[in-house]
């Protein structure tokens, strides 16, 4: 008899994916704001924007979650365990 459980129980749920993506965007934004606020960098006077586009994802979500977001096209791998948002202008 067929088992009624999902085919891959380790696959992330929609809620996990949504929460992970939201946490990633928040961490990226905070990291960019932190970089922009340093005394040695004056983006408000020079008109520049943050050069930070990739970060290490929040560790409260597993690798499977980040891999699924890459597969969905929301994130892309930037190397060295870092990811970046594909549509960065939507922050």
PDB file of N, CA and C in Angstrom:
ATOM      1  N   UNK A   1       0.842  -1.179   0.000  1.00  0.00           N
ATOM      2  CA  UNK A   1       0.000   0.000   0.000  1.00  0.00           C
ATOM      3  C   UNK A   1       0.889   1.245   0.000  1.00  0.00           C
ATOM      4  N   UNK A   2       0.482   2.266  -0.697  1.00  0.00           N
ATOM      5  CA  UNK A   2       1.266   3.492  -0.818  1.00  0.00           C
ATOM      6  C   UNK A   2       1.261   4.269   0.495  1.00  0.00           C
ATOM      7  N   UNK A   3       2.399   4.864   0.785  1.00  0.00           N
ATOM      8  CA  UNK A   3       2.548   5.666   1.993  1.00  0.00           C
ATOM      9  C   UNK A   3       2.030   7.078   1.713  1.00  0.00           C
ATOM     10  N   UNK A   4       1.115   7.618   2.535  1.00  0.00           N
ATOM     11  CA  UNK A   4       0.541   8.940   2.273  1.00  0.00           C
ATOM     12  C   UNK A   4       1.472  10.110   2.603  1.00  0.00           C
ATOM     13  N   UNK A   5       2.678   9.852   3.110  1.00  0.00           N
ATOM     14  CA  UNK A   5       3.595  10.938   3.459  1.00  0.00           C
ATOM     15  C   UNK A   5       4.203  11.541   2.197  1.00  0.00           C
ATOM     16  N   UNK A   6       4.681  12.771   2.278  1.00  0.00           N
ATOM     17  CA  UNK A   6       5.301  13.414   1.121  1.00  0.00           C
ATOM     18  C   UNK A   6       6.503  12.616   0.618  1.00  0.00           C
ATOM     19  N   UNK A   7       6.825  12.782  -0.654  1.00  0.00           N
ATOM     20  CA  UNK A   7       7.903  12.014  -1.263  1.00  0.00           C
ATOM     21  C   UNK A   7       9.265  12.354  -0.668  1.00  0.00           C
ATOM     22  N   UNK A   8       9.479  13.582  -0.248  1.00  0.00           N
ATOM     23  CA  UNK A   8      10.757  13.983   0.335  1.00  0.00           C
ATOM     24  C   UNK A   8      10.506  14.764   1.620  1.00  0.00           C
ATOM     25  N   UNK A   9      10.519  14.082   2.758  1.00  0.00           N
ATOM     26  CA  UNK A   9      10.208  14.762   4.019  1.00  0.00           C
ATOM     27  C   UNK A   9      11.240  15.818   4.410  1.00  0.00           C
ATOM     28  N   UNK A  10      12.444  15.755   3.845  1.00  0.00           N
ATOM     29  CA  UNK A  10      13.467  16.742   4.192  1.00  0.00           C
ATOM     30  C   UNK A  10      13.371  18.008   3.341  1.00  0.00           C
ATOM     31  N   UNK A  11      12.471  18.007   2.364  1.00  0.00           N
ATOM     32  CA  UNK A  11      12.304  19.193   1.515  1.00  0.00           C
ATOM     33  C   UNK A  11      11.719  20.333   2.343  1.00  0.00           C
ATOM     34  N   UNK A  12      12.233  21.548   2.147  1.00  0.00           N
ATOM     35  CA  UNK A  12      11.726  22.685   2.925  1.00  0.00           C
ATOM     36  C   UNK A  12      10.290  23.046   2.546  1.00  0.00           C
ATOM     37  N   UNK A  13       9.544  23.484   3.533  1.00  0.00           N
ATOM     38  CA  UNK A  13       8.156  23.888   3.301  1.00  0.00           C
ATOM     39  C   UNK A  13       8.122  25.296   2.709  1.00  0.00           C
ATOM     40  N   UNK A  14       6.950  25.680   2.205  1.00  0.00           N
ATOM     41  CA  UNK A  14       6.793  27.033   1.656  1.00  0.00           C
ATOM     42  C   UNK A  14       7.051  28.089   2.725  1.00  0.00           C
ATOM     43  N   UNK A  15       6.590  27.813   3.941  1.00  0.00           N
ATOM     44  CA  UNK A  15       6.792  28.759   5.041  1.00  0.00           C
ATOM     45  C   UNK A  15       8.279  28.906   5.359  1.00  0.00           C
ATOM     46  N   UNK A  16       9.001  27.784   5.393  1.00  0.00           N
ATOM     47  CA  UNK A  16      10.445  27.852   5.648  1.00  0.00           C
ATOM     48  C   UNK A  16      11.149  28.675   4.573  1.00  0.00           C
ATOM     49  N   UNK A  17      10.776  28.447   3.323  1.00  0.00           N
ATOM     50  CA  UNK A  17      11.393  29.180   2.219  1.00  0.00           C
ATOM     51  C   UNK A  17      11.098  30.678   2.321  1.00  0.00           C
ATOM     52  N   UNK A  18       9.852  31.004   2.632  1.00  0.00           N
ATOM     53  CA  UNK A  18       9.460  32.414   2.764  1.00  0.00           C
ATOM     54  C   UNK A  18      10.212  33.070   3.923  1.00  0.00           C
ATOM     55  N   UNK A  19      10.255  32.385   5.068  1.00  0.00           N
ATOM     56  CA  UNK A  19      10.943  32.924   6.242  1.00  0.00           C
ATOM     57  C   UNK A  19      12.442  33.080   5.987  1.00  0.00           C
ATOM     58  N   UNK A  20      13.034  32.101   5.313  1.00  0.00           N
ATOM     59  CA  UNK A  20      14.467  32.151   5.025  1.00  0.00           C
ATOM     60  C   UNK A  20      14.789  33.303   4.078  1.00  0.00           C
ATOM     61  N   UNK A  21      13.977  33.476   3.051  1.00  0.00           N
ATOM     62  CA  UNK A  21      14.206  34.557   2.084  1.00  0.00           C
ATOM     63  C   UNK A  21      14.069  35.923   2.761  1.00  0.00           C
ATOM     64  N   UNK A  22      13.066  36.036   3.627  1.00  0.00           N
ATOM     65  CA  UNK A  22      12.847  37.284   4.365  1.00  0.00           C
ATOM     66  C   UNK A  22      14.039  37.570   5.290  1.00  0.00           C
ATOM     67  N   UNK A  23      14.528  36.538   5.986  1.00  0.00           N
ATOM     68  CA  UNK A  23      15.675  36.696   6.880  1.00  0.00           C
ATOM     69  C   UNK A  23      16.932  37.066   6.091  1.00  0.00           C
ATOM     70  N   UNK A  24      17.089  36.472   4.912  1.00  0.00           N
ATOM     71  CA  UNK A  24      18.245  36.774   4.069  1.00  0.00           C
ATOM     72  C   UNK A  24      18.221  38.241   3.638  1.00  0.00           C
ATOM     73  N   UNK A  25      17.061  38.708   3.169  1.00  0.00           N
ATOM     74  CA  UNK A  25      16.944  40.101   2.728  1.00  0.00           C
ATOM     75  C   UNK A  25      17.220  41.064   3.885  1.00  0.00           C
ATOM     76  N   UNK A  26      16.709  40.726   5.064  1.00  0.00           N
ATOM     77  CA  UNK A  26      16.910  41.591   6.220  1.00  0.00           C
ATOM     78  C   UNK A  26      18.388  41.647   6.598  1.00  0.00           C
ATOM     79  N   UNK A  27      19.049  40.489   6.609  1.00  0.00           N
ATOM     80  CA  UNK A  27      20.470  40.467   6.960  1.00  0.00           C
ATOM     81  C   UNK A  27      21.293  41.232   5.928  1.00  0.00           C
ATOM     82  N   UNK A  28      20.969  41.083   4.657  1.00  0.00           N
ATOM     83  CA  UNK A  28      21.695  41.806   3.611  1.00  0.00           C
ATOM     84  C   UNK A  28      21.527  43.312   3.792  1.00  0.00           C
ATOM     85  N   UNK A  29      20.311  43.734   4.059  1.00  0.00           N
ATOM     86  CA  UNK A  29      20.040  45.162   4.232  1.00  0.00           C
ATOM     87  C   UNK A  29      20.779  45.716   5.457  1.00  0.00           C
ATOM     88  N   UNK A  30      20.758  44.980   6.561  1.00  0.00           N
ATOM     89  CA  UNK A  30      21.448  45.417   7.775  1.00  0.00           C
ATOM     90  C   UNK A  30      22.955  45.483   7.529  1.00  0.00           C
ATOM     91  N   UNK A  31      23.489  44.501   6.823  1.00  0.00           N
ATOM     92  CA  UNK A  31      24.918  44.484   6.508  1.00  0.00           C
ATOM     93  C   UNK A  31      25.294  45.680   5.639  1.00  0.00           C
ATOM     94  N   UNK A  32      24.460  45.982   4.657  1.00  0.00           N
ATOM     95  CA  UNK A  32      24.716  47.138   3.793  1.00  0.00           C
ATOM     96  C   UNK A  32      24.643  48.443   4.588  1.00  0.00           C
ATOM     97  N   UNK A  33      23.638  48.568   5.446  1.00  0.00           N
ATOM     98  CA  UNK A  33      23.504  49.783   6.254  1.00  0.00           C
ATOM     99  C   UNK A  33      24.677  49.945   7.208  1.00  0.00           C
ATOM    100  N   UNK A  34      25.138  48.831   7.769  1.00  0.00           N
ATOM    101  CA  UNK A  34      26.285  48.866   8.663  1.00  0.00           C
ATOM    102  C   UNK A  34      27.527  49.347   7.917  1.00  0.00           C
ATOM    103  N   UNK A  35      27.728  48.829   6.733  1.00  0.00           N
ATOM    104  CA  UNK A  35      28.876  49.237   5.919  1.00  0.00           C
ATOM    105  C   UNK A  35      28.770  50.713   5.532  1.00  0.00           C
ATOM    106  N   UNK A  36      27.591  51.141   5.164  1.00  0.00           N
ATOM    107  CA  UNK A  36      27.391  52.531   4.750  1.00  0.00           C
ATOM    108  C   UNK A  36      27.574  53.522   5.897  1.00  0.00           C
ATOM    109  N   UNK A  37      27.354  53.078   7.126  1.00  0.00           N
ATOM    110  CA  UNK A  37      27.414  53.993   8.263  1.00  0.00           C
ATOM    111  C   UNK A  37      28.814  54.139   8.849  1.00  0.00           C
ATOM    112  N   UNK A  38      29.783  53.432   8.325  1.00  0.00           N
ATOM    113  CA  UNK A  38      31.146  53.540   8.857  1.00  0.00           C
ATOM    114  C   UNK A  38      31.697  54.936   8.596  1.00  0.00           C
ATOM    115  N   UNK A  39      32.495  55.398   9.526  1.00  0.00           N
ATOM    116  CA  UNK A  39      33.039  56.754   9.448  1.00  0.00           C
ATOM    117  C   UNK A  39      33.957  56.954   8.244  1.00  0.00           C
ATOM    118  N   UNK A  40      34.635  55.921   7.818  1.00  0.00           N
ATOM    119  CA  UNK A  40      35.578  56.068   6.710  1.00  0.00           C
ATOM    120  C   UNK A  40      34.877  56.138   5.366  1.00  0.00           C
ATOM    121  N   UNK A  41      33.611  55.806   5.342  1.00  0.00           N
ATOM    122  CA  UNK A  41      32.853  55.805   4.092  1.00  0.00           C
ATOM    123  C   UNK A  41      31.703  56.795   4.246  1.00  0.00           C
ATOM    124  N   UNK A  42      31.562  57.695   3.339  1.00  0.00           N
ATOM    125  CA  UNK A  42      30.535  58.727   3.427  1.00  0.00           C
ATOM    126  C   UNK A  42      29.612  58.672   2.212  1.00  0.00           C
ATOM    127  N   UNK A  43      28.719  57.660   2.132  1.00  0.00           N
ATOM    128  CA  UNK A  43      27.854  57.555   0.964  1.00  0.00           C
ATOM    129  C   UNK A  43      26.860  58.703   0.831  1.00  0.00           C
ATOM    130  N   UNK A  44      26.540  59.336   1.950  1.00  0.00           N
ATOM    131  CA  UNK A  44      25.568  60.427   1.867  1.00  0.00           C
ATOM    132  C   UNK A  44      26.162  61.655   1.191  1.00  0.00           C
ATOM    133  N   UNK A  45      27.468  61.828   1.297  1.00  0.00           N
ATOM    134  CA  UNK A  45      28.092  62.987   0.665  1.00  0.00           C
ATOM    135  C   UNK A  45      28.639  62.664  -0.718  1.00  0.00           C
ATOM    136  N   UNK A  46      29.011  61.411  -0.939  1.00  0.00           N
ATOM    137  CA  UNK A  46      29.588  61.063  -2.239  1.00  0.00           C
ATOM    138  C   UNK A  46      28.551  60.502  -3.205  1.00  0.00           C
ATOM    139  N   UNK A  47      27.371  60.177  -2.713  1.00  0.00           N
ATOM    140  CA  UNK A  47      26.326  59.643  -3.578  1.00  0.00           C
ATOM    141  C   UNK A  47      26.490  58.171  -3.891  1.00  0.00           C
ATOM    142  N   UNK A  48      27.445  57.514  -3.264  1.00  0.00           N
ATOM    143  CA  UNK A  48      27.693  56.101  -3.534  1.00  0.00           C
ATOM    144  C   UNK A  48      26.716  55.201  -2.813  1.00  0.00           C
ATOM    145  N   UNK A  49      26.648  53.974  -3.257  1.00  0.00           N
ATOM    146  CA  UNK A  49      25.806  52.992  -2.587  1.00  0.00           C
ATOM    147  C   UNK A  49      26.687  51.852  -2.102  1.00  0.00           C
ATOM    148  N   UNK A  50      26.134  50.990  -1.308  1.00  0.00           N
ATOM    149  CA  UNK A  50      26.884  49.889  -0.733  1.00  0.00           C
ATOM    150  C   UNK A  50      27.414  48.959  -1.811  1.00  0.00           C
ATOM    151  N   UNK A  51      28.641  48.506  -1.609  1.00  0.00           N
ATOM    152  CA  UNK A  51      29.250  47.564  -2.546  1.00  0.00           C
ATOM    153  C   UNK A  51      28.935  46.127  -2.148  1.00  0.00           C
ATOM    154  N   UNK A  52      28.274  45.940  -1.021  1.00  0.00           N
ATOM    155  CA  UNK A  52      27.954  44.595  -0.545  1.00  0.00           C
ATOM    156  C   UNK A  52      26.725  44.087  -1.281  1.00  0.00           C
ATOM    157  N   UNK A  53      26.893  42.994  -2.019  1.00  0.00           N
ATOM    158  CA  UNK A  53      25.768  42.402  -2.743  1.00  0.00           C
ATOM    159  C   UNK A  53      25.551  40.946  -2.360  1.00  0.00           C
ATOM    160  N   UNK A  54      26.541  40.331  -1.696  1.00  0.00           N
ATOM    161  CA  UNK A  54      26.432  38.926  -1.309  1.00  0.00           C
ATOM    162  C   UNK A  54      26.814  38.777   0.159  1.00  0.00           C
ATOM    163  N   UNK A  55      26.129  37.854   0.831  1.00  0.00           N
ATOM    164  CA  UNK A  55      26.409  37.584   2.239  1.00  0.00           C
ATOM    165  C   UNK A  55      26.312  36.091   2.499  1.00  0.00           C
ATOM    166  N   UNK A  56      26.813  35.691   3.664  1.00  0.00           N
ATOM    167  CA  UNK A  56      26.615  34.322   4.123  1.00  0.00           C
ATOM    168  C   UNK A  56      25.192  34.248   4.675  1.00  0.00           C
ATOM    169  N   UNK A  57      24.415  33.249   4.285  1.00  0.00           N
ATOM    170  CA  UNK A  57      23.014  33.204   4.712  1.00  0.00           C
ATOM    171  C   UNK A  57      22.871  32.934   6.208  1.00  0.00           C
ATOM    172  N   UNK A  58      21.754  33.347   6.800  1.00  0.00           N
ATOM    173  CA  UNK A  58      21.498  33.070   8.214  1.00  0.00           C
ATOM    174  C   UNK A  58      21.583  31.566   8.493  1.00  0.00           C
ATOM    175  N   UNK A  59      22.239  31.212   9.594  1.00  0.00           N
ATOM    176  CA  UNK A  59      22.490  29.793   9.868  1.00  0.00           C
ATOM    177  C   UNK A  59      21.328  29.068  10.535  1.00  0.00           C
ATOM    178  N   UNK A  60      20.229  29.737  10.812  1.00  0.00           N
ATOM    179  CA  UNK A  60      19.096  29.031  11.412  1.00  0.00           C
ATOM    180  C   UNK A  60      18.311  28.216  10.390  1.00  0.00           C
ATOM    181  N   UNK A  61      18.668  28.351   9.114  1.00  0.00           N
ATOM    182  CA  UNK A  61      18.040  27.561   8.057  1.00  0.00           C
ATOM    183  C   UNK A  61      19.104  26.663   7.437  1.00  0.00           C
ATOM    184  N   UNK A  62      18.702  25.460   7.061  1.00  0.00           N
ATOM    185  CA  UNK A  62      19.635  24.490   6.517  1.00  0.00           C
ATOM    186  C   UNK A  62      20.039  24.768   5.076  1.00  0.00           C
ATOM    187  N   UNK A  63      21.061  24.059   4.637  1.00  0.00           N
ATOM    188  CA  UNK A  63      21.565  24.205   3.273  1.00  0.00           C
ATOM    189  C   UNK A  63      20.497  23.868   2.242  1.00  0.00           C
ATOM    190  N   UNK A  64      19.622  22.916   2.557  1.00  0.00           N
ATOM    191  CA  UNK A  64      18.562  22.528   1.620  1.00  0.00           C
ATOM    192  C   UNK A  64      17.642  23.705   1.301  1.00  0.00           C
ATOM    193  N   UNK A  65      17.408  24.559   2.282  1.00  0.00           N
ATOM    194  CA  UNK A  65      16.550  25.731   2.079  1.00  0.00           C
ATOM    195  C   UNK A  65      17.208  26.686   1.083  1.00  0.00           C
ATOM    196  N   UNK A  66      18.493  26.960   1.271  1.00  0.00           N
ATOM    197  CA  UNK A  66      19.202  27.889   0.384  1.00  0.00           C
ATOM    198  C   UNK A  66      19.333  27.307  -1.019  1.00  0.00           C
ATOM    199  N   UNK A  67      19.581  25.999  -1.098  1.00  0.00           N
ATOM    200  CA  UNK A  67      19.658  25.347  -2.411  1.00  0.00           C
ATOM    201  C   UNK A  67      18.325  25.438  -3.149  1.00  0.00           C
ATOM    202  N   UNK A  68      17.228  25.302  -2.414  1.00  0.00           N
ATOM    203  CA  UNK A  68      15.904  25.393  -3.036  1.00  0.00           C
ATOM    204  C   UNK A  68      15.626  26.822  -3.527  1.00  0.00           C
ATOM    205  N   UNK A  69      16.047  27.818  -2.761  1.00  0.00           N
ATOM    206  CA  UNK A  69      15.862  29.208  -3.192  1.00  0.00           C
ATOM    207  C   UNK A  69      16.706  29.516  -4.433  1.00  0.00           C
ATOM    208  N   UNK A  70      17.871  28.890  -4.532  1.00  0.00           N
ATOM    209  CA  UNK A  70      18.691  29.030  -5.744  1.00  0.00           C
ATOM    210  C   UNK A  70      17.975  28.374  -6.913  1.00  0.00           C
ATOM    211  N   UNK A  71      17.425  27.186  -6.656  1.00  0.00           N
ATOM    212  CA  UNK A  71      16.709  26.453  -7.703  1.00  0.00           C
ATOM    213  C   UNK A  71      15.489  27.240  -8.196  1.00  0.00           C
ATOM    214  N   UNK A  72      14.838  27.956  -7.296  1.00  0.00           N
ATOM    215  CA  UNK A  72      13.666  28.760  -7.652  1.00  0.00           C
ATOM    216  C   UNK A  72      14.045  30.069  -8.345  1.00  0.00           C
ATOM    217  N   UNK A  73      15.325  30.404  -8.344  1.00  0.00           N
ATOM    218  CA  UNK A  73      15.776  31.620  -9.015  1.00  0.00           C
ATOM    219  C   UNK A  73      15.716  32.876  -8.169  1.00  0.00           C
ATOM    220  N   UNK A  74      15.493  32.733  -6.867  1.00  0.00           N
ATOM    221  CA  UNK A  74      15.424  33.909  -5.994  1.00  0.00           C
ATOM    222  C   UNK A  74      16.811  34.340  -5.521  1.00  0.00           C
ATOM    223  N   UNK A  75      17.698  33.375  -5.345  1.00  0.00           N
ATOM    224  CA  UNK A  75      19.073  33.648  -4.938  1.00  0.00           C
ATOM    225  C   UNK A  75      20.016  33.017  -5.947  1.00  0.00           C
ATOM    226  N   UNK A  76      21.264  33.472  -5.920  1.00  0.00           N
ATOM    227  CA  UNK A  76      22.274  32.778  -6.704  1.00  0.00           C
ATOM    228  C   UNK A  76      23.534  32.675  -5.865  1.00  0.00           C
ATOM    229  N   UNK A  77      24.270  31.593  -6.091  1.00  0.00           N
ATOM    230  CA  UNK A  77      25.498  31.371  -5.344  1.00  0.00           C
ATOM    231  C   UNK A  77      26.549  32.360  -5.817  1.00  0.00           C
ATOM    232  N   UNK A  78      27.251  32.940  -4.848  1.00  0.00           N
ATOM    233  CA  UNK A  78      28.295  33.908  -5.161  1.00  0.00           C
ATOM    234  C   UNK A  78      29.676  33.344  -4.855  1.00  0.00           C
ATOM    235  N   UNK A  79      29.746  32.093  -4.422  1.00  0.00           N
ATOM    236  CA  UNK A  79      31.022  31.471  -4.092  1.00  0.00           C
ATOM    237  C   UNK A  79      31.371  31.638  -2.629  1.00  0.00           C
ATOM    238  N   UNK A  80      32.254  30.786  -2.137  1.00  0.00           N
ATOM    239  CA  UNK A  80      32.731  30.848  -0.754  1.00  0.00           C
ATOM    240  C   UNK A  80      31.598  30.759   0.265  1.00  0.00           C
ATOM    241  N   UNK A  81      30.515  30.051  -0.059  1.00  0.00           N
ATOM    242  CA  UNK A  81      29.390  29.903   0.861  1.00  0.00           C
ATOM    243  C   UNK A  81      28.496  31.126   0.950  1.00  0.00           C
ATOM    244  N   UNK A  82      28.663  32.048   0.018  1.00  0.00           N
ATOM    245  CA  UNK A  82      27.863  33.272   0.024  1.00  0.00           C
ATOM    246  C   UNK A  82      26.816  33.217  -1.081  1.00  0.00           C
ATOM    247  N   UNK A  83      25.741  33.959  -0.852  1.00  0.00           N
ATOM    248  CA  UNK A  83      24.637  34.026  -1.809  1.00  0.00           C
ATOM    249  C   UNK A  83      24.290  35.485  -2.048  1.00  0.00           C
ATOM    250  N   UNK A  84      23.672  35.751  -3.191  1.00  0.00           N
ATOM    251  CA  UNK A  84      23.182  37.096  -3.470  1.00  0.00           C
ATOM    252  C   UNK A  84      21.775  37.012  -4.033  1.00  0.00           C
ATOM    253  N   UNK A  85      21.034  38.088  -3.885  1.00  0.00           N
ATOM    254  CA  UNK A  85      19.669  38.149  -4.401  1.00  0.00           C
ATOM    255  C   UNK A  85      19.739  38.395  -5.900  1.00  0.00           C
ATOM    256  N   UNK A  86      18.969  37.635  -6.646  1.00  0.00           N
ATOM    257  CA  UNK A  86      18.969  37.788  -8.099  1.00  0.00           C
ATOM    258  C   UNK A  86      18.401  39.146  -8.480  1.00  0.00           C
ATOM    259  N   UNK A  87      17.297  39.532  -7.875  1.00  0.00           N
ATOM    260  CA  UNK A  87      16.674  40.830  -8.147  1.00  0.00           C
ATOM    261  C   UNK A  87      17.011  41.781  -7.009  1.00  0.00           C
ATOM    262  N   UNK A  88      18.239  42.244  -6.964  1.00  0.00           N
ATOM    263  CA  UNK A  88      18.719  43.049  -5.854  1.00  0.00           C
ATOM    264  C   UNK A  88      18.005  44.386  -5.734  1.00  0.00           C
ATOM    265  N   UNK A  89      17.436  44.899  -6.781  1.00  0.00           N
ATOM    266  CA  UNK A  89      16.786  46.206  -6.715  1.00  0.00           C
ATOM    267  C   UNK A  89      15.447  46.155  -5.988  1.00  0.00           C
ATOM    268  N   UNK A  90      14.983  44.958  -5.608  1.00  0.00           N
ATOM    269  CA  UNK A  90      13.695  44.845  -4.926  1.00  0.00           C
ATOM    270  C   UNK A  90      13.814  44.967  -3.418  1.00  0.00           C
ATOM    271  N   UNK A  91      15.000  45.241  -2.892  1.00  0.00           N
ATOM    272  CA  UNK A  91      15.169  45.340  -1.438  1.00  0.00           C
ATOM    273  C   UNK A  91      14.407  46.498  -0.861  1.00  0.00           C
TER     274      UNK A  91
END
